[in-house]
């Protein structure tokens, strides 16, 4: 979700290992953001959900280059508090999706 737009979920067939996640970030995410206005893309933050595939060196390096100081998760400059009571937008739009 960004501003008043819902970017459709992407269902990946393979196991979400570090390289597969990096491929998603480099190839699929840009396609999903094509309709998002450039001003929004420049100001947006990227939030992880805590999966271990997001902690690989290559993934964090890519996020630092693509979203400098604008991504939340383990290893970023903006840490999402562990066991945070805050709900993410995913809780509202993906529960029950198969």
N, C-alpha and C. Protein backbone atom coordinates (compact mmCIF):
# COMPACT_ATOMS: atom_id res chain seq x y z
N UNK A 1 0.84 -1.17 0.00
CA UNK A 1 0.00 0.00 0.00
C UNK A 1 0.89 1.23 0.00
N UNK A 2 0.48 2.20 -0.75
CA UNK A 2 1.16 3.48 -0.74
C UNK A 2 0.14 4.58 -1.02
N UNK A 3 0.17 5.59 -0.20
CA UNK A 3 -0.83 6.65 -0.28
C UNK A 3 -2.22 6.04 -0.35
N UNK A 4 -2.95 6.31 -1.40
CA UNK A 4 -4.29 5.75 -1.54
C UNK A 4 -4.32 4.64 -2.58
N UNK A 5 -3.14 4.06 -2.88
CA UNK A 5 -3.05 3.00 -3.88
C UNK A 5 -2.75 1.66 -3.22
N UNK A 6 -3.37 0.63 -3.72
CA UNK A 6 -3.06 -0.72 -3.30
C UNK A 6 -2.30 -1.38 -4.44
N UNK A 7 -1.07 -1.75 -4.18
CA UNK A 7 -0.27 -2.45 -5.17
C UNK A 7 -0.58 -3.92 -5.00
N UNK A 8 -0.91 -4.58 -6.08
CA UNK A 8 -1.37 -5.97 -5.97
C UNK A 8 -0.29 -6.87 -5.39
N UNK A 9 -0.72 -7.89 -4.64
CA UNK A 9 0.25 -8.84 -4.10
C UNK A 9 0.88 -9.65 -5.22
N UNK A 10 2.10 -10.07 -4.99
CA UNK A 10 2.82 -10.90 -5.95
C UNK A 10 3.02 -12.26 -5.29
N UNK A 11 2.55 -13.30 -5.93
CA UNK A 11 2.71 -14.66 -5.42
C UNK A 11 3.89 -15.29 -6.15
N UNK A 12 4.90 -15.65 -5.39
CA UNK A 12 6.10 -16.24 -5.98
C UNK A 12 6.05 -17.75 -5.84
N UNK A 13 6.47 -18.45 -6.87
CA UNK A 13 6.39 -19.91 -6.87
C UNK A 13 7.50 -20.57 -6.08
N UNK A 14 8.69 -19.99 -6.09
CA UNK A 14 9.84 -20.61 -5.45
C UNK A 14 9.90 -20.30 -3.97
N UNK A 15 10.72 -21.10 -3.29
CA UNK A 15 11.02 -20.86 -1.88
C UNK A 15 11.65 -19.47 -1.75
N UNK A 16 11.28 -18.74 -0.73
CA UNK A 16 11.75 -17.37 -0.58
C UNK A 16 13.13 -17.34 0.07
N UNK A 17 14.13 -17.76 -0.67
CA UNK A 17 15.52 -17.68 -0.22
C UNK A 17 16.06 -16.30 -0.59
N UNK A 18 17.23 -15.98 -0.09
CA UNK A 18 17.81 -14.66 -0.32
C UNK A 18 17.92 -14.27 -1.78
N UNK A 19 18.40 -15.17 -2.62
CA UNK A 19 18.56 -14.85 -4.05
C UNK A 19 17.20 -14.65 -4.72
N UNK A 20 16.22 -15.46 -4.36
CA UNK A 20 14.87 -15.30 -4.94
C UNK A 20 14.26 -13.97 -4.52
N UNK A 21 14.49 -13.58 -3.27
CA UNK A 21 13.97 -12.31 -2.80
C UNK A 21 14.66 -11.15 -3.50
N UNK A 22 15.97 -11.26 -3.69
CA UNK A 22 16.70 -10.24 -4.43
C UNK A 22 16.18 -10.13 -5.85
N UNK A 23 15.91 -11.25 -6.50
CA UNK A 23 15.34 -11.23 -7.85
C UNK A 23 13.99 -10.52 -7.85
N UNK A 24 13.18 -10.76 -6.82
CA UNK A 24 11.90 -10.07 -6.71
C UNK A 24 12.12 -8.56 -6.62
N UNK A 25 13.04 -8.15 -5.75
CA UNK A 25 13.29 -6.71 -5.56
C UNK A 25 13.80 -6.05 -6.83
N UNK A 26 14.62 -6.76 -7.59
CA UNK A 26 15.21 -6.18 -8.79
C UNK A 26 14.30 -6.26 -10.01
N UNK A 27 13.46 -7.28 -10.10
CA UNK A 27 12.68 -7.50 -11.32
C UNK A 27 11.18 -7.31 -11.18
N UNK A 28 10.60 -7.75 -10.10
CA UNK A 28 9.14 -7.68 -9.94
C UNK A 28 8.68 -6.38 -9.28
N UNK A 29 9.37 -5.95 -8.24
CA UNK A 29 8.96 -4.74 -7.54
C UNK A 29 8.92 -3.52 -8.45
N UNK A 30 9.93 -3.31 -9.30
CA UNK A 30 9.83 -2.15 -10.20
C UNK A 30 8.59 -2.19 -11.10
N UNK A 31 8.18 -3.38 -11.54
CA UNK A 31 6.96 -3.50 -12.36
C UNK A 31 5.74 -3.09 -11.54
N UNK A 32 5.73 -3.48 -10.26
CA UNK A 32 4.60 -3.16 -9.40
C UNK A 32 4.51 -1.65 -9.13
N UNK A 33 5.64 -0.98 -9.18
CA UNK A 33 5.67 0.45 -8.87
C UNK A 33 5.52 1.36 -10.09
N UNK A 34 5.33 0.78 -11.27
CA UNK A 34 5.25 1.58 -12.50
C UNK A 34 4.13 2.61 -12.46
N UNK A 35 3.00 2.28 -11.85
CA UNK A 35 1.86 3.20 -11.82
C UNK A 35 1.88 4.16 -10.63
N UNK A 36 2.86 4.02 -9.78
CA UNK A 36 2.99 4.90 -8.62
C UNK A 36 3.70 6.17 -9.08
N UNK A 37 3.14 7.34 -8.79
CA UNK A 37 3.78 8.59 -9.21
C UNK A 37 5.23 8.69 -8.70
N UNK A 38 6.08 9.29 -9.51
CA UNK A 38 7.50 9.39 -9.17
C UNK A 38 7.72 10.10 -7.84
N UNK A 39 6.97 11.16 -7.57
CA UNK A 39 7.12 11.88 -6.30
C UNK A 39 6.84 10.96 -5.12
N UNK A 40 5.87 10.08 -5.27
CA UNK A 40 5.56 9.11 -4.21
C UNK A 40 6.66 8.09 -4.09
N UNK A 41 7.18 7.60 -5.22
CA UNK A 41 8.26 6.62 -5.18
C UNK A 41 9.49 7.19 -4.47
N UNK A 42 9.79 8.44 -4.71
CA UNK A 42 10.97 9.07 -4.10
C UNK A 42 10.80 9.20 -2.59
N UNK A 43 9.58 9.42 -2.14
CA UNK A 43 9.33 9.65 -0.72
C UNK A 43 8.92 8.39 0.05
N UNK A 44 8.66 7.30 -0.65
CA UNK A 44 8.12 6.13 0.03
C UNK A 44 9.18 5.37 0.82
N UNK A 45 8.71 4.63 1.84
CA UNK A 45 9.54 3.75 2.64
C UNK A 45 9.18 2.32 2.31
N UNK A 46 10.16 1.44 2.40
CA UNK A 46 9.95 0.02 2.13
C UNK A 46 10.02 -0.70 3.46
N UNK A 47 9.00 -1.52 3.75
CA UNK A 47 8.94 -2.23 5.03
C UNK A 47 8.98 -3.72 4.82
N UNK A 48 9.91 -4.37 5.52
CA UNK A 48 10.00 -5.83 5.51
C UNK A 48 9.03 -6.42 6.52
N UNK A 49 8.79 -7.73 6.40
CA UNK A 49 7.95 -8.40 7.39
C UNK A 49 8.75 -9.28 8.34
N UNK A 50 10.07 -9.33 8.19
CA UNK A 50 10.91 -10.06 9.13
C UNK A 50 11.39 -11.42 8.68
N UNK A 51 11.13 -11.80 7.45
CA UNK A 51 11.59 -13.11 6.96
C UNK A 51 13.11 -13.12 6.86
N UNK A 52 13.71 -14.27 7.13
CA UNK A 52 15.17 -14.37 7.13
C UNK A 52 15.78 -14.13 5.76
N UNK A 53 15.04 -14.36 4.69
CA UNK A 53 15.58 -14.12 3.34
C UNK A 53 15.88 -12.64 3.11
N UNK A 54 15.32 -11.77 3.94
CA UNK A 54 15.52 -10.34 3.80
C UNK A 54 16.80 -9.85 4.46
N UNK A 55 17.51 -10.73 5.13
CA UNK A 55 18.70 -10.34 5.88
C UNK A 55 20.00 -10.68 5.17
N UNK A 56 19.95 -11.14 3.93
CA UNK A 56 21.21 -11.46 3.25
C UNK A 56 21.94 -10.18 2.89
N UNK A 57 23.23 -10.29 2.80
CA UNK A 57 24.07 -9.11 2.50
C UNK A 57 23.67 -8.46 1.18
N UNK A 58 23.40 -9.28 0.16
CA UNK A 58 23.04 -8.73 -1.16
C UNK A 58 21.70 -8.01 -1.14
N UNK A 59 20.74 -8.55 -0.39
CA UNK A 59 19.43 -7.90 -0.29
C UNK A 59 19.57 -6.56 0.42
N UNK A 60 20.27 -6.55 1.56
CA UNK A 60 20.42 -5.29 2.29
C UNK A 60 21.21 -4.27 1.49
N UNK A 61 22.21 -4.71 0.74
CA UNK A 61 22.98 -3.80 -0.11
C UNK A 61 22.08 -3.20 -1.19
N UNK A 62 21.24 -4.04 -1.80
CA UNK A 62 20.32 -3.54 -2.83
C UNK A 62 19.34 -2.52 -2.22
N UNK A 63 18.80 -2.82 -1.05
CA UNK A 63 17.86 -1.90 -0.42
C UNK A 63 18.54 -0.59 -0.02
N UNK A 64 19.78 -0.67 0.44
CA UNK A 64 20.50 0.56 0.77
C UNK A 64 20.72 1.43 -0.46
N UNK A 65 20.93 0.80 -1.61
CA UNK A 65 21.12 1.55 -2.85
C UNK A 65 19.81 2.07 -3.42
N UNK A 66 18.75 1.28 -3.32
CA UNK A 66 17.47 1.63 -3.93
C UNK A 66 16.62 2.53 -3.04
N UNK A 67 16.61 2.24 -1.74
CA UNK A 67 15.83 3.00 -0.76
C UNK A 67 16.76 3.51 0.34
N UNK A 68 17.70 4.41 0.02
CA UNK A 68 18.66 4.86 1.04
C UNK A 68 17.96 5.52 2.23
N UNK A 69 18.19 4.97 3.40
CA UNK A 69 17.58 5.45 4.65
C UNK A 69 16.05 5.47 4.58
N UNK A 70 15.48 4.63 3.71
CA UNK A 70 14.02 4.60 3.56
C UNK A 70 13.50 3.17 3.52
N UNK A 71 14.15 2.26 4.25
CA UNK A 71 13.60 0.92 4.39
C UNK A 71 13.69 0.50 5.84
N UNK A 72 12.68 -0.25 6.28
CA UNK A 72 12.60 -0.67 7.67
C UNK A 72 12.79 -2.17 7.76
N UNK A 73 13.59 -2.57 8.73
CA UNK A 73 13.81 -3.98 8.96
C UNK A 73 15.18 -4.21 9.56
N UNK A 74 15.47 -5.47 9.82
CA UNK A 74 16.75 -5.86 10.40
C UNK A 74 17.90 -5.38 9.52
N UNK A 75 18.84 -4.67 10.11
CA UNK A 75 20.00 -4.20 9.36
C UNK A 75 19.83 -2.83 8.72
N UNK A 76 18.66 -2.23 8.83
CA UNK A 76 18.47 -0.91 8.22
C UNK A 76 18.72 0.17 9.26
N UNK A 77 18.73 1.40 8.82
CA UNK A 77 18.90 2.51 9.76
C UNK A 77 17.61 2.78 10.51
N UNK A 78 16.50 2.22 10.05
CA UNK A 78 15.20 2.36 10.72
C UNK A 78 14.75 0.96 11.12
N UNK A 79 14.91 0.62 12.39
CA UNK A 79 14.51 -0.71 12.85
C UNK A 79 13.05 -0.74 13.21
N UNK A 80 12.36 -1.77 12.74
CA UNK A 80 10.99 -2.01 13.14
C UNK A 80 11.05 -2.72 14.47
N UNK A 81 10.42 -2.19 15.51
CA UNK A 81 10.57 -2.79 16.84
C UNK A 81 10.09 -4.24 16.86
N UNK A 82 10.87 -5.13 17.49
CA UNK A 82 10.43 -6.52 17.59
C UNK A 82 9.15 -6.61 18.41
N UNK A 83 8.28 -7.52 18.02
CA UNK A 83 7.00 -7.74 18.71
C UNK A 83 6.19 -6.46 18.82
N UNK A 84 6.28 -5.63 17.80
CA UNK A 84 5.56 -4.36 17.78
C UNK A 84 4.06 -4.61 17.72
N UNK A 85 3.28 -3.89 18.50
CA UNK A 85 1.82 -4.05 18.44
C UNK A 85 1.21 -3.38 17.20
N UNK A 86 2.01 -2.61 16.47
CA UNK A 86 1.50 -1.93 15.30
C UNK A 86 1.20 -2.93 14.20
N UNK A 87 0.05 -2.83 13.61
CA UNK A 87 -0.32 -3.71 12.50
C UNK A 87 0.20 -3.10 11.21
N UNK A 88 0.63 -3.95 10.31
CA UNK A 88 1.08 -3.49 9.01
C UNK A 88 -0.09 -3.52 8.03
N UNK A 89 0.00 -2.81 6.91
CA UNK A 89 -1.07 -2.85 5.92
C UNK A 89 -1.36 -4.26 5.42
N UNK A 90 -0.37 -5.16 5.47
CA UNK A 90 -0.60 -6.52 5.00
C UNK A 90 -1.66 -7.24 5.82
N UNK A 91 -1.77 -6.90 7.10
CA UNK A 91 -2.78 -7.55 7.93
C UNK A 91 -4.19 -7.25 7.43
N UNK A 92 -4.37 -6.10 6.82
CA UNK A 92 -5.70 -5.70 6.41
C UNK A 92 -6.10 -6.19 5.03
N UNK A 93 -5.13 -6.47 4.16
CA UNK A 93 -5.52 -6.83 2.80
C UNK A 93 -5.15 -8.24 2.39
N UNK A 94 -4.34 -8.97 3.16
CA UNK A 94 -3.92 -10.29 2.73
C UNK A 94 -4.42 -11.44 3.60
N UNK A 95 -4.97 -11.17 4.76
CA UNK A 95 -5.49 -12.27 5.56
C UNK A 95 -6.57 -13.00 4.80
N UNK A 96 -6.47 -14.27 4.77
CA UNK A 96 -7.47 -15.07 4.08
C UNK A 96 -7.18 -15.26 2.59
N UNK A 97 -6.16 -14.61 2.07
CA UNK A 97 -5.81 -14.79 0.65
C UNK A 97 -5.15 -16.14 0.47
N UNK A 98 -5.49 -16.81 -0.60
CA UNK A 98 -4.87 -18.11 -0.85
C UNK A 98 -4.19 -18.10 -2.19
